[in-house]
């Protein structure tokens, strides 16, 4: 067999192989899909059922959480707005006490006493609904509960200590209702003049030596 004949045979075999592969692919496509067994159908149904049950459980938990938050914090905005009433009562008491014209009025104490009773009732209502004041004085400044309005020089306390409460803050259970407006300490800066005098005194002492 010559080389040309051998080459023709190889080409023929190659063509037959390709044709056989094409026919096989066509047969696979045209072949009817394999029918699912009862066990396969049951397994698929169980998986779908489990996914549905998991989704329903997640929805139930979200619904319960939303209901709980709505119940606990439904009056959040109302409570925050009501704090201004308490602020105004405190201002009224201070104003009456500092008014020189009213100091000699015999009925002043009765007026202040009546206002303080209203204040106590309001505080009691707040407390029943989980609204409590934030303790700030002499506490370390915490940006989660405090809002710094000014800094005061004080070397007797650690820097960042609350030493003035401009407006009292409140919590509603574990949620911040209103931050405390406070003044905090900072270290007193040494004046340049005092530093120069100290240097001059030190230099004079060294010259004497």
Protein backbone atom coordinates (compact mmCIF):
# COMPACT_ATOMS: atom_id res chain seq x y z
CA UNK A 1 0.00 0.00 0.00
CA UNK A 2 1.37 3.33 -1.04
CA UNK A 3 1.58 6.34 1.24
CA UNK A 4 -1.22 8.09 -0.68
CA UNK A 5 -3.52 5.08 -0.24
CA UNK A 6 -2.69 4.92 3.49
CA UNK A 7 -3.49 8.64 3.85
CA UNK A 8 -6.86 8.16 2.15
CA UNK A 9 -7.71 5.30 4.49
CA UNK A 10 -6.86 7.44 7.54
CA UNK A 11 -8.99 10.31 6.25
CA UNK A 12 -11.88 7.93 5.67
CA UNK A 13 -11.60 6.54 9.19
CA UNK A 14 -11.47 10.04 10.64
CA UNK A 15 -14.58 11.07 8.72
CA UNK A 16 -16.41 7.95 9.85
CA UNK A 17 -15.45 8.65 13.48
CA UNK A 18 -16.73 12.25 13.29
CA UNK A 19 -19.96 11.09 11.67
CA UNK A 20 -20.42 8.47 14.38
CA UNK A 21 -19.95 11.14 17.12
CA UNK A 22 -22.50 13.43 15.43
CA UNK A 23 -25.01 10.60 15.17
CA UNK A 24 -24.50 9.76 18.85
CA UNK A 25 -25.09 13.39 19.86
CA UNK A 26 -28.27 13.52 17.77
CA UNK A 27 -29.54 10.32 19.38
CA UNK A 28 -28.94 11.75 22.87
CA UNK A 29 -30.88 14.90 22.03
CA UNK A 30 -33.76 13.01 20.45
CA UNK A 31 -33.87 10.41 23.21
CA UNK A 32 -36.88 10.88 25.57
CA UNK A 33 -35.99 12.30 29.04
CA UNK A 34 -35.50 9.83 31.82
CA UNK A 35 -38.65 9.49 33.86
CA UNK A 36 -38.38 10.42 37.56
CA UNK A 37 -38.89 7.64 39.97
CA UNK A 38 -41.31 7.92 42.89
CA UNK A 39 -38.34 8.31 45.23
CA UNK A 40 -36.96 11.24 43.18
CA UNK A 41 -40.33 12.99 43.17
CA UNK A 42 -40.70 12.48 46.92
CA UNK A 43 -37.21 13.89 47.57
CA UNK A 44 -37.89 16.98 45.42
CA UNK A 45 -41.20 17.58 47.20
CA UNK A 46 -39.56 17.28 50.62
CA UNK A 47 -36.86 19.80 49.68
CA UNK A 48 -39.46 22.30 48.45
CA UNK A 49 -41.49 21.80 51.62
CA UNK A 50 -38.47 22.37 53.86
CA UNK A 51 -37.55 25.59 52.00
CA UNK A 52 -41.13 26.85 52.29
CA UNK A 53 -41.25 26.07 56.01
CA UNK A 54 -37.91 27.87 56.58
CA UNK A 55 -39.18 30.97 54.75
CA UNK A 56 -42.40 30.94 56.76
CA UNK A 57 -40.44 30.68 60.02
CA UNK A 58 -38.23 33.63 59.06
CA UNK A 59 -41.29 35.71 58.18
CA UNK A 60 -42.94 34.80 61.49
CA UNK A 61 -39.86 35.91 63.45
CA UNK A 62 -39.63 39.20 61.54
CA UNK A 63 -43.32 39.83 62.14
CA UNK A 64 -42.98 39.16 65.89
CA UNK A 65 -39.92 41.43 66.13
CA UNK A 66 -41.67 44.26 64.29
CA UNK A 67 -44.75 43.90 66.49
CA UNK A 68 -42.64 43.92 69.64
CA UNK A 69 -40.73 47.03 68.56
CA UNK A 70 -43.97 48.76 67.57
CA UNK A 71 -45.43 47.97 70.99
CA UNK A 72 -42.34 49.09 72.92
CA UNK A 73 -41.34 52.12 70.86
CA UNK A 74 -44.64 53.10 69.23
CA UNK A 75 -44.72 56.27 71.36
CA UNK A 76 -41.04 57.07 70.83
CA UNK A 77 -41.62 60.34 68.95
CA UNK A 78 -44.36 61.40 71.36
CA UNK A 79 -42.10 60.70 74.34
CA UNK A 80 -39.25 62.71 72.83
CA UNK A 81 -41.54 65.68 72.18
CA UNK A 82 -42.94 65.42 75.72
CA UNK A 83 -39.49 66.03 77.20
CA UNK A 84 -39.89 69.71 76.31
CA UNK A 85 -42.75 69.86 78.86
CA UNK A 86 -40.39 68.71 81.58
CA UNK A 87 -37.77 71.23 80.44
CA UNK A 88 -40.31 74.06 80.57
CA UNK A 89 -41.46 73.06 84.06
CA UNK A 90 -37.86 73.19 85.33
CA UNK A 91 -37.35 76.58 83.69
CA UNK A 92 -40.56 77.89 85.25
CA UNK A 93 -39.47 76.80 88.75
CA UNK A 94 -36.05 78.44 88.36
CA UNK A 95 -37.63 81.58 86.94
CA UNK A 96 -40.06 81.92 89.85
CA UNK A 97 -37.32 81.37 92.43
CA UNK A 98 -35.04 83.98 90.83
CA UNK A 99 -37.72 86.64 90.32
CA UNK A 100 -37.07 89.39 92.90
CA UNK A 101 -40.65 90.67 92.68
CA UNK A 102 -42.06 87.26 93.58
CA UNK A 103 -39.64 86.44 96.38
CA UNK A 104 -41.67 88.34 98.95
CA UNK A 105 -44.95 86.89 97.74
CA UNK A 106 -46.44 84.60 100.38
CA UNK A 107 -48.09 82.43 97.74
CA UNK A 108 -44.84 81.78 95.84
CA UNK A 109 -44.04 78.56 97.72
CA UNK A 110 -47.56 77.28 97.07
CA UNK A 111 -47.18 77.98 93.35
CA UNK A 112 -43.79 76.25 93.19
CA UNK A 113 -45.13 73.31 95.22
CA UNK A 114 -48.03 72.89 92.77
CA UNK A 115 -45.68 72.98 89.77
CA UNK A 116 -43.35 70.42 91.38
CA UNK A 117 -46.30 68.05 91.93
CA UNK A 118 -47.08 68.25 88.20
CA UNK A 119 -43.41 67.56 87.48
CA UNK A 120 -43.35 64.52 89.77
CA UNK A 121 -46.47 63.12 88.09
CA UNK A 122 -44.90 63.57 84.67
CA UNK A 123 -41.64 61.91 85.79
CA UNK A 124 -43.67 59.02 87.23
CA UNK A 125 -45.47 58.53 83.90
CA UNK A 126 -42.13 58.57 82.08
CA UNK A 127 -40.69 55.98 84.46
CA UNK A 128 -43.66 53.63 83.99
CA UNK A 129 -43.02 53.74 80.23
CA UNK A 130 -39.30 52.99 80.56
CA UNK A 131 -38.13 56.61 80.16
CA UNK A 132 -35.26 57.37 82.53
CA UNK A 133 -32.74 60.22 82.82
CA UNK A 134 -29.09 59.72 81.88
CA UNK A 135 -26.66 60.24 84.75
CA UNK A 136 -23.94 62.49 83.39
CA UNK A 137 -22.28 64.58 86.10
CA UNK A 138 -18.69 63.51 86.89
CA UNK A 139 -18.98 60.70 84.35
CA UNK A 140 -16.56 60.07 81.51
CA UNK A 141 -17.78 61.65 78.28
CA UNK A 142 -19.52 59.04 76.12
CA UNK A 143 -20.56 60.06 72.58
CA UNK A 144 -23.29 57.40 72.69
CA UNK A 145 -25.11 59.34 75.43
CA UNK A 146 -23.55 62.81 75.56
CA UNK A 147 -23.20 65.76 73.21
CA UNK A 148 -20.36 68.13 74.13
CA UNK A 149 -21.36 71.79 73.91
CA UNK A 150 -18.29 73.37 75.50
CA UNK A 151 -14.91 72.59 77.07
CA UNK A 152 -13.86 73.85 80.49
CA UNK A 153 -10.25 74.05 81.67
CA UNK A 154 -9.79 72.00 84.82
CA UNK A 155 -6.62 70.27 85.96
CA UNK A 156 -8.30 68.72 89.02
CA UNK A 157 -10.23 66.19 86.91
CA UNK A 158 -9.35 63.86 84.07
CA UNK A 159 -9.79 65.31 80.61
CA UNK A 160 -13.17 64.46 79.13
CA UNK A 161 -15.05 64.43 82.45
CA UNK A 162 -18.58 65.84 82.41
CA UNK A 163 -18.71 68.78 84.85
CA UNK A 164 -21.72 70.68 83.52
CA UNK A 165 -25.13 69.51 82.35
CA UNK A 166 -26.82 72.04 80.09
CA UNK A 167 -29.76 69.80 79.20
CA UNK A 168 -30.59 66.41 80.71
CA UNK A 169 -30.66 63.42 78.40
CA UNK A 170 -33.06 60.48 78.55
CA UNK A 171 -33.24 56.82 77.56
CA UNK A 172 -36.34 54.89 76.51
CA UNK A 173 -35.49 51.39 77.72
CA UNK A 174 -32.30 50.54 75.77
CA UNK A 175 -32.77 53.23 73.12
CA UNK A 176 -31.43 56.78 73.28
CA UNK A 177 -34.34 59.20 73.46
CA UNK A 178 -32.27 62.39 73.76
CA UNK A 179 -28.54 62.91 74.43
CA UNK A 180 -27.35 64.98 77.37
CA UNK A 181 -25.94 68.37 76.39
CA UNK A 182 -22.84 68.74 78.53
CA UNK A 183 -19.65 70.63 79.22
CA UNK A 184 -16.47 68.55 79.57
CA UNK A 185 -13.06 69.22 81.06
CA UNK A 186 -9.79 69.76 79.27
CA UNK A 187 -6.30 70.31 80.64
CA UNK A 188 -5.36 73.94 81.26
CA UNK A 189 -2.78 75.10 78.76
CA UNK A 190 0.34 76.74 80.14
CA UNK A 191 0.67 80.36 79.13
CA UNK A 192 3.66 81.42 77.09
CA UNK A 193 4.47 84.24 79.51
CA UNK A 194 4.76 81.91 82.48
CA UNK A 195 7.00 79.62 80.46
CA UNK A 196 9.33 82.51 79.60
CA UNK A 197 9.52 83.59 83.24
CA UNK A 198 10.39 80.09 84.31
CA UNK A 199 13.18 79.96 81.77
CA UNK A 200 14.54 83.35 82.89
CA UNK A 201 14.49 82.25 86.53
CA UNK A 202 16.31 79.05 85.64
CA UNK A 203 18.98 80.96 83.69
CA UNK A 204 19.52 83.37 86.59
CA UNK A 205 19.99 80.50 89.03
CA UNK A 206 22.54 78.91 86.72
CA UNK A 207 24.46 82.22 86.40
CA UNK A 208 24.64 82.57 90.22
CA UNK A 209 26.15 79.10 90.43
